[in-house]
All heavy atoms as atom14 arrays in JSON, in Angstrom:
{
  "sequence": "RTIHCDGSKEVSVVPGDLTANALIACAWDVGTR",
  "atom14_mask": [
    [1, 1, 1, 1, 1, 1, 1, 1, 1, 1, 1, 0, 0, 0],
    [1, 1, 1, 1, 1, 1, 1, 0, 0, 0, 0, 0, 0, 0],
    [1, 1, 1, 1, 1, 1, 1, 1, 0, 0, 0, 0, 0, 0],
    [1, 1, 1, 1, 1, 1, 1, 1, 1, 1, 0, 0, 0, 0],
    [1, 1, 1, 1, 1, 1, 0, 0, 0, 0, 0, 0, 0, 0],
    [1, 1, 1, 1, 1, 1, 1, 1, 0, 0, 0, 0, 0, 0],
    [1, 1, 1, 1, 0, 0, 0, 0, 0, 0, 0, 0, 0, 0],
    [1, 1, 1, 1, 1, 1, 0, 0, 0, 0, 0, 0, 0, 0],
    [1, 1, 1, 1, 1, 1, 1, 1, 1, 0, 0, 0, 0, 0],
    [1, 1, 1, 1, 1, 1, 1, 1, 1, 0, 0, 0, 0, 0],
    [1, 1, 1, 1, 1, 1, 1, 0, 0, 0, 0, 0, 0, 0],
    [1, 1, 1, 1, 1, 1, 0, 0, 0, 0, 0, 0, 0, 0],
    [1, 1, 1, 1, 1, 1, 1, 0, 0, 0, 0, 0, 0, 0],
    [1, 1, 1, 1, 1, 1, 1, 0, 0, 0, 0, 0, 0, 0],
    [1, 1, 1, 1, 1, 1, 1, 0, 0, 0, 0, 0, 0, 0],
    [1, 1, 1, 1, 0, 0, 0, 0, 0, 0, 0, 0, 0, 0],
    [1, 1, 1, 1, 1, 1, 1, 1, 0, 0, 0, 0, 0, 0],
    [1, 1, 1, 1, 1, 1, 1, 1, 0, 0, 0, 0, 0, 0],
    [1, 1, 1, 1, 1, 1, 1, 0, 0, 0, 0, 0, 0, 0],
    [1, 1, 1, 1, 1, 0, 0, 0, 0, 0, 0, 0, 0, 0],
    [1, 1, 1, 1, 1, 1, 1, 1, 0, 0, 0, 0, 0, 0],
    [1, 1, 1, 1, 1, 0, 0, 0, 0, 0, 0, 0, 0, 0],
    [1, 1, 1, 1, 1, 1, 1, 1, 0, 0, 0, 0, 0, 0],
    [1, 1, 1, 1, 1, 1, 1, 1, 0, 0, 0, 0, 0, 0],
    [1, 1, 1, 1, 1, 0, 0, 0, 0, 0, 0, 0, 0, 0],
    [1, 1, 1, 1, 1, 1, 0, 0, 0, 0, 0, 0, 0, 0],
    [1, 1, 1, 1, 1, 0, 0, 0, 0, 0, 0, 0, 0, 0],
    [1, 1, 1, 1, 1, 1, 1, 1, 1, 1, 1, 1, 1, 1],
    [1, 1, 1, 1, 1, 1, 1, 1, 0, 0, 0, 0, 0, 0],
    [1, 1, 1, 1, 1, 1, 1, 0, 0, 0, 0, 0, 0, 0],
    [1, 1, 1, 1, 0, 0, 0, 0, 0, 0, 0, 0, 0, 0],
    [1, 1, 1, 1, 1, 1, 1, 0, 0, 0, 0, 0, 0, 0],
    [1, 1, 1, 1, 1, 1, 1, 1, 1, 1, 1, 0, 0, 0]
  ],
  "atom14_positions": [
    [[-34.81, 26.43, 58.82], [-33.85, 26.85, 59.86], [-33.01, 25.7, 60.41], [-32.09, 25.93, 61.18], [-34.59, 27.55, 60.99], [-35.35, 28.78, 60.51], [-36.01, 29.54, 61.65], [-36.74, 30.69, 61.13], [-38.04, 30.72, 60.9], [-38.77, 29.63, 61.14], [-38.63, 31.8, 60.42], [0.0, 0.0, 0.0], [0.0, 0.0, 0.0], [0.0, 0.0, 0.0]],
    [[-33.37, 24.47, 60.05], [-32.61, 23.33, 60.55], [-32.72, 22.18, 59.58], [-33.73, 22.04, 58.86], [-33.12, 22.88, 61.93], [-32.4, 21.7, 62.35], [-34.6, 22.55, 61.9], [0.0, 0.0, 0.0], [0.0, 0.0, 0.0], [0.0, 0.0, 0.0], [0.0, 0.0, 0.0], [0.0, 0.0, 0.0], [0.0, 0.0, 0.0], [0.0, 0.0, 0.0]],
    [[-31.68, 21.35, 59.56], [-31.7, 20.14, 58.74], [-30.86, 19.08, 59.42], [-29.85, 19.39, 60.08], [-31.18, 20.41, 57.31], [-31.43, 19.2, 56.42], [-29.72, 20.79, 57.32], [-31.13, 19.44, 54.96], [0.0, 0.0, 0.0], [0.0, 0.0, 0.0], [0.0, 0.0, 0.0], [0.0, 0.0, 0.0], [0.0, 0.0, 0.0], [0.0, 0.0, 0.0]],
    [[-31.31, 17.84, 59.32], [-30.56, 16.72, 59.86], [-29.46, 16.37, 58.88], [-29.73, 15.86, 57.79], [-31.5, 15.53, 60.08], [-30.82, 14.36, 60.71], [-31.2, 13.06, 60.48], [-29.78, 14.28, 61.6], [-30.45, 12.23, 61.17], [-29.58, 12.95, 61.86], [0.0, 0.0, 0.0], [0.0, 0.0, 0.0], [0.0, 0.0, 0.0], [0.0, 0.0, 0.0]],
    [[-28.21, 16.65, 59.24], [-27.11, 16.52, 58.29], [-25.78, 16.38, 59.02], [-25.53, 17.11, 60.0], [-27.08, 17.74, 57.37], [-25.7, 17.78, 56.22], [0.0, 0.0, 0.0], [0.0, 0.0, 0.0], [0.0, 0.0, 0.0], [0.0, 0.0, 0.0], [0.0, 0.0, 0.0], [0.0, 0.0, 0.0], [0.0, 0.0, 0.0], [0.0, 0.0, 0.0]],
    [[-24.96, 15.48, 58.57], [-23.59, 15.35, 59.09], [-22.68, 16.16, 58.18], [-22.38, 15.75, 57.05], [-23.19, 13.87, 59.1], [-21.82, 13.65, 59.75], [-21.07, 14.64, 59.91], [-21.5, 12.49, 60.08], [0.0, 0.0, 0.0], [0.0, 0.0, 0.0], [0.0, 0.0, 0.0], [0.0, 0.0, 0.0], [0.0, 0.0, 0.0], [0.0, 0.0, 0.0]],
    [[-22.24, 17.3, 58.66], [-21.46, 18.22, 57.84], [-20.14, 17.67, 57.36], [-19.58, 18.17, 56.37], [0.0, 0.0, 0.0], [0.0, 0.0, 0.0], [0.0, 0.0, 0.0], [0.0, 0.0, 0.0], [0.0, 0.0, 0.0], [0.0, 0.0, 0.0], [0.0, 0.0, 0.0], [0.0, 0.0, 0.0], [0.0, 0.0, 0.0], [0.0, 0.0, 0.0]],
    [[-19.61, 16.62, 58.01], [-18.32, 16.07, 57.61], [-18.43, 15.15, 56.39], [-17.42, 14.81, 55.78], [-17.7, 15.29, 58.78], [-18.48, 14.14, 59.1], [0.0, 0.0, 0.0], [0.0, 0.0, 0.0], [0.0, 0.0, 0.0], [0.0, 0.0, 0.0], [0.0, 0.0, 0.0], [0.0, 0.0, 0.0], [0.0, 0.0, 0.0], [0.0, 0.0, 0.0]],
    [[-19.64, 14.74, 56.04], [-19.84, 13.84, 54.91], [-19.67, 14.59, 53.59], [-20.03, 15.76, 53.47], [-21.22, 13.19, 54.96], [-21.53, 12.44, 56.24], [-20.61, 11.26, 56.44], [-21.02, 10.43, 57.66], [-20.06, 9.33, 57.93], [0.0, 0.0, 0.0], [0.0, 0.0, 0.0], [0.0, 0.0, 0.0], [0.0, 0.0, 0.0], [0.0, 0.0, 0.0]],
    [[-19.15, 13.88, 52.6], [-19.0, 14.49, 51.27], [-20.33, 14.46, 50.52], [-21.08, 13.49, 50.6], [-17.93, 13.76, 50.47], [-16.52, 14.0, 50.96], [-15.46, 13.41, 50.04], [-15.85, 12.87, 48.96], [-14.28, 13.46, 50.38], [0.0, 0.0, 0.0], [0.0, 0.0, 0.0], [0.0, 0.0, 0.0], [0.0, 0.0, 0.0], [0.0, 0.0, 0.0]],
    [[-20.59, 15.52, 49.79], [-21.78, 15.6, 48.95], [-21.32, 15.68, 47.5], [-20.49, 16.52, 47.15], [-22.67, 16.82, 49.31], [-21.87, 18.1, 49.35], [-23.85, 16.93, 48.36], [0.0, 0.0, 0.0], [0.0, 0.0, 0.0], [0.0, 0.0, 0.0], [0.0, 0.0, 0.0], [0.0, 0.0, 0.0], [0.0, 0.0, 0.0], [0.0, 0.0, 0.0]],
    [[-21.82, 14.78, 46.67], [-21.4, 14.74, 45.28], [-22.38, 15.53, 44.42], [-23.46, 15.04, 44.09], [-21.31, 13.3, 44.78], [-20.81, 13.25, 43.46], [0.0, 0.0, 0.0], [0.0, 0.0, 0.0], [0.0, 0.0, 0.0], [0.0, 0.0, 0.0], [0.0, 0.0, 0.0], [0.0, 0.0, 0.0], [0.0, 0.0, 0.0], [0.0, 0.0, 0.0]],
    [[-22.02, 16.77, 44.1], [-22.86, 17.62, 43.26], [-22.12, 17.9, 41.96], [-20.89, 18.04, 41.94], [-23.23, 18.94, 43.96], [-24.16, 18.68, 45.13], [-21.99, 19.69, 44.43], [0.0, 0.0, 0.0], [0.0, 0.0, 0.0], [0.0, 0.0, 0.0], [0.0, 0.0, 0.0], [0.0, 0.0, 0.0], [0.0, 0.0, 0.0], [0.0, 0.0, 0.0]],
    [[-22.87, 17.96, 40.86], [-22.27, 18.24, 39.55], [-23.09, 19.33, 38.86], [-24.32, 19.27, 38.84], [-22.21, 16.97, 38.68], [-21.14, 16.02, 39.2], [-23.56, 16.26, 38.62], [0.0, 0.0, 0.0], [0.0, 0.0, 0.0], [0.0, 0.0, 0.0], [0.0, 0.0, 0.0], [0.0, 0.0, 0.0], [0.0, 0.0, 0.0], [0.0, 0.0, 0.0]],
    [[-22.44, 20.35, 38.3], [-23.17, 21.43, 37.62], [-23.92, 20.91, 36.39], [-23.47, 19.99, 35.7], [-22.06, 22.4, 37.22], [-20.94, 22.11, 38.17], [-21.01, 20.64, 38.42], [0.0, 0.0, 0.0], [0.0, 0.0, 0.0], [0.0, 0.0, 0.0], [0.0, 0.0, 0.0], [0.0, 0.0, 0.0], [0.0, 0.0, 0.0], [0.0, 0.0, 0.0]],
    [[-25.06, 21.55, 36.1], [-25.92, 21.09, 35.02], [-25.27, 21.14, 33.65], [-25.43, 20.22, 32.84], [0.0, 0.0, 0.0], [0.0, 0.0, 0.0], [0.0, 0.0, 0.0], [0.0, 0.0, 0.0], [0.0, 0.0, 0.0], [0.0, 0.0, 0.0], [0.0, 0.0, 0.0], [0.0, 0.0, 0.0], [0.0, 0.0, 0.0], [0.0, 0.0, 0.0]],
    [[-24.53, 22.22, 33.34], [-23.94, 22.33, 32.01], [-22.83, 21.31, 31.8], [-22.71, 20.71, 30.72], [-23.42, 23.75, 31.75], [-22.5, 24.27, 32.84], [-22.55, 23.74, 33.97], [-21.72, 25.21, 32.58], [0.0, 0.0, 0.0], [0.0, 0.0, 0.0], [0.0, 0.0, 0.0], [0.0, 0.0, 0.0], [0.0, 0.0, 0.0], [0.0, 0.0, 0.0]],
    [[-22.04, 21.03, 32.83], [-21.02, 20.01, 32.73], [-21.64, 18.63, 32.58], [-21.11, 17.75, 31.89], [-20.08, 20.03, 33.95], [-18.88, 20.98, 33.85], [-19.33, 22.43, 33.97], [-17.85, 20.66, 34.93], [0.0, 0.0, 0.0], [0.0, 0.0, 0.0], [0.0, 0.0, 0.0], [0.0, 0.0, 0.0], [0.0, 0.0, 0.0], [0.0, 0.0, 0.0]],
    [[-22.79, 18.44, 33.23], [-23.49, 17.16, 33.12], [-23.97, 16.92, 31.69], [-23.83, 15.82, 31.15], [-24.69, 17.12, 34.09], [-24.23, 17.32, 35.42], [-25.41, 15.79, 34.01], [0.0, 0.0, 0.0], [0.0, 0.0, 0.0], [0.0, 0.0, 0.0], [0.0, 0.0, 0.0], [0.0, 0.0, 0.0], [0.0, 0.0, 0.0], [0.0, 0.0, 0.0]],
    [[-24.55, 17.95, 31.07], [-24.99, 17.81, 29.68], [-23.81, 17.55, 28.76], [-23.89, 16.71, 27.84], [-25.74, 19.07, 29.25], [0.0, 0.0, 0.0], [0.0, 0.0, 0.0], [0.0, 0.0, 0.0], [0.0, 0.0, 0.0], [0.0, 0.0, 0.0], [0.0, 0.0, 0.0], [0.0, 0.0, 0.0], [0.0, 0.0, 0.0], [0.0, 0.0, 0.0]],
    [[-22.7, 18.24, 28.98], [-21.5, 18.03, 28.17], [-20.96, 16.61, 28.34], [-20.54, 15.96, 27.37], [-20.42, 19.04, 28.54], [-20.77, 20.45, 28.1], [-21.57, 20.65, 27.21], [-20.16, 21.44, 28.74], [0.0, 0.0, 0.0], [0.0, 0.0, 0.0], [0.0, 0.0, 0.0], [0.0, 0.0, 0.0], [0.0, 0.0, 0.0], [0.0, 0.0, 0.0]],
    [[-20.96, 16.14, 29.59], [-20.48, 14.78, 29.87], [-21.37, 13.74, 29.2], [-20.89, 12.73, 28.68], [-20.42, 14.55, 31.38], [0.0, 0.0, 0.0], [0.0, 0.0, 0.0], [0.0, 0.0, 0.0], [0.0, 0.0, 0.0], [0.0, 0.0, 0.0], [0.0, 0.0, 0.0], [0.0, 0.0, 0.0], [0.0, 0.0, 0.0], [0.0, 0.0, 0.0]],
    [[-22.67, 13.99, 29.2], [-23.62, 13.08, 28.56], [-23.36, 13.0, 27.06], [-23.37, 11.9, 26.47], [-25.05, 13.57, 28.84], [-26.21, 12.8, 28.23], [-26.16, 11.32, 28.6], [-27.54, 13.42, 28.69], [0.0, 0.0, 0.0], [0.0, 0.0, 0.0], [0.0, 0.0, 0.0], [0.0, 0.0, 0.0], [0.0, 0.0, 0.0], [0.0, 0.0, 0.0]],
    [[-23.1, 14.14, 26.44], [-22.78, 14.17, 25.0], [-21.48, 13.41, 24.73], [-21.39, 12.63, 23.78], [-22.68, 15.62, 24.51], [-24.06, 16.29, 24.56], [-22.1, 15.7, 23.11], [-24.03, 17.79, 24.35], [0.0, 0.0, 0.0], [0.0, 0.0, 0.0], [0.0, 0.0, 0.0], [0.0, 0.0, 0.0], [0.0, 0.0, 0.0], [0.0, 0.0, 0.0]],
    [[-20.48, 13.63, 25.58], [-19.19, 12.96, 25.4], [-19.33, 11.45, 25.57], [-18.69, 10.68, 24.84], [-18.17, 13.52, 26.4], [0.0, 0.0, 0.0], [0.0, 0.0, 0.0], [0.0, 0.0, 0.0], [0.0, 0.0, 0.0], [0.0, 0.0, 0.0], [0.0, 0.0, 0.0], [0.0, 0.0, 0.0], [0.0, 0.0, 0.0], [0.0, 0.0, 0.0]],
    [[-20.17, 11.03, 26.49], [-20.37, 9.59, 26.71], [-21.1, 8.96, 25.53], [-20.81, 7.81, 25.16], [-21.13, 9.36, 28.0], [-20.14, 9.68, 29.49], [0.0, 0.0, 0.0], [0.0, 0.0, 0.0], [0.0, 0.0, 0.0], [0.0, 0.0, 0.0], [0.0, 0.0, 0.0], [0.0, 0.0, 0.0], [0.0, 0.0, 0.0], [0.0, 0.0, 0.0]],
    [[-22.05, 9.68, 24.92], [-22.73, 9.17, 23.74], [-21.72, 8.96, 22.6], [-21.77, 7.95, 21.88], [-23.83, 10.13, 23.3], [0.0, 0.0, 0.0], [0.0, 0.0, 0.0], [0.0, 0.0, 0.0], [0.0, 0.0, 0.0], [0.0, 0.0, 0.0], [0.0, 0.0, 0.0], [0.0, 0.0, 0.0], [0.0, 0.0, 0.0], [0.0, 0.0, 0.0]],
    [[-20.81, 9.92, 22.45], [-19.74, 9.78, 21.46], [-18.86, 8.58, 21.78], [-18.51, 7.78, 20.89], [-18.91, 11.07, 21.45], [-17.57, 10.94, 20.78], [-17.32, 10.91, 19.44], [-16.29, 10.81, 21.44], [-15.97, 10.78, 19.22], [-15.32, 10.71, 20.42], [-15.9, 10.77, 22.78], [-13.96, 10.57, 20.72], [-14.56, 10.64, 23.08], [-13.6, 10.55, 22.04]],
    [[-18.52, 8.41, 23.05], [-17.66, 7.29, 23.46], [-18.34, 5.95, 23.19], [-17.69, 5.01, 22.74], [-17.31, 7.43, 24.95], [-16.3, 6.39, 25.4], [-15.15, 6.46, 24.93], [-16.67, 5.52, 26.2], [0.0, 0.0, 0.0], [0.0, 0.0, 0.0], [0.0, 0.0, 0.0], [0.0, 0.0, 0.0], [0.0, 0.0, 0.0], [0.0, 0.0, 0.0]],
    [[-19.64, 5.86, 23.49], [-20.38, 4.62, 23.24], [-20.31, 4.28, 21.76], [-20.06, 3.12, 21.38], [-21.85, 4.76, 23.69], [-22.69, 3.59, 23.16], [-21.95, 4.8, 25.2], [0.0, 0.0, 0.0], [0.0, 0.0, 0.0], [0.0, 0.0, 0.0], [0.0, 0.0, 0.0], [0.0, 0.0, 0.0], [0.0, 0.0, 0.0], [0.0, 0.0, 0.0]],
    [[-20.52, 5.28, 20.9], [-20.49, 5.05, 19.46], [-19.12, 4.65, 18.95], [-18.99, 3.75, 18.11], [0.0, 0.0, 0.0], [0.0, 0.0, 0.0], [0.0, 0.0, 0.0], [0.0, 0.0, 0.0], [0.0, 0.0, 0.0], [0.0, 0.0, 0.0], [0.0, 0.0, 0.0], [0.0, 0.0, 0.0], [0.0, 0.0, 0.0], [0.0, 0.0, 0.0]],
    [[-18.07, 5.29, 19.45], [-16.72, 4.99, 18.98], [-16.22, 3.67, 19.56], [-15.45, 2.96, 18.9], [-15.75, 6.12, 19.35], [-15.84, 6.4, 20.76], [-16.08, 7.38, 18.57], [0.0, 0.0, 0.0], [0.0, 0.0, 0.0], [0.0, 0.0, 0.0], [0.0, 0.0, 0.0], [0.0, 0.0, 0.0], [0.0, 0.0, 0.0], [0.0, 0.0, 0.0]],
    [[-16.64, 3.32, 20.77], [-16.27, 2.03, 21.34], [-16.82, 0.89, 20.5], [-16.16, -0.1, 20.23], [-16.81, 1.9, 22.77], [-15.95, 2.51, 23.85], [-16.66, 2.45, 25.19], [-15.87, 3.02, 26.25], [-15.16, 2.3, 27.12], [-15.15, 1.0, 27.03], [-14.46, 2.89, 28.07], [0.0, 0.0, 0.0], [0.0, 0.0, 0.0], [0.0, 0.0, 0.0]]
  ]
}
């Protein structure tokens, strides 16, 4: 019912499927670099 939180602060959340896709893309980038 309560949490200590400053609502004006930004929260950086990323969806799981986009995260997996980004991880795959970065592995490709590491290899091509």
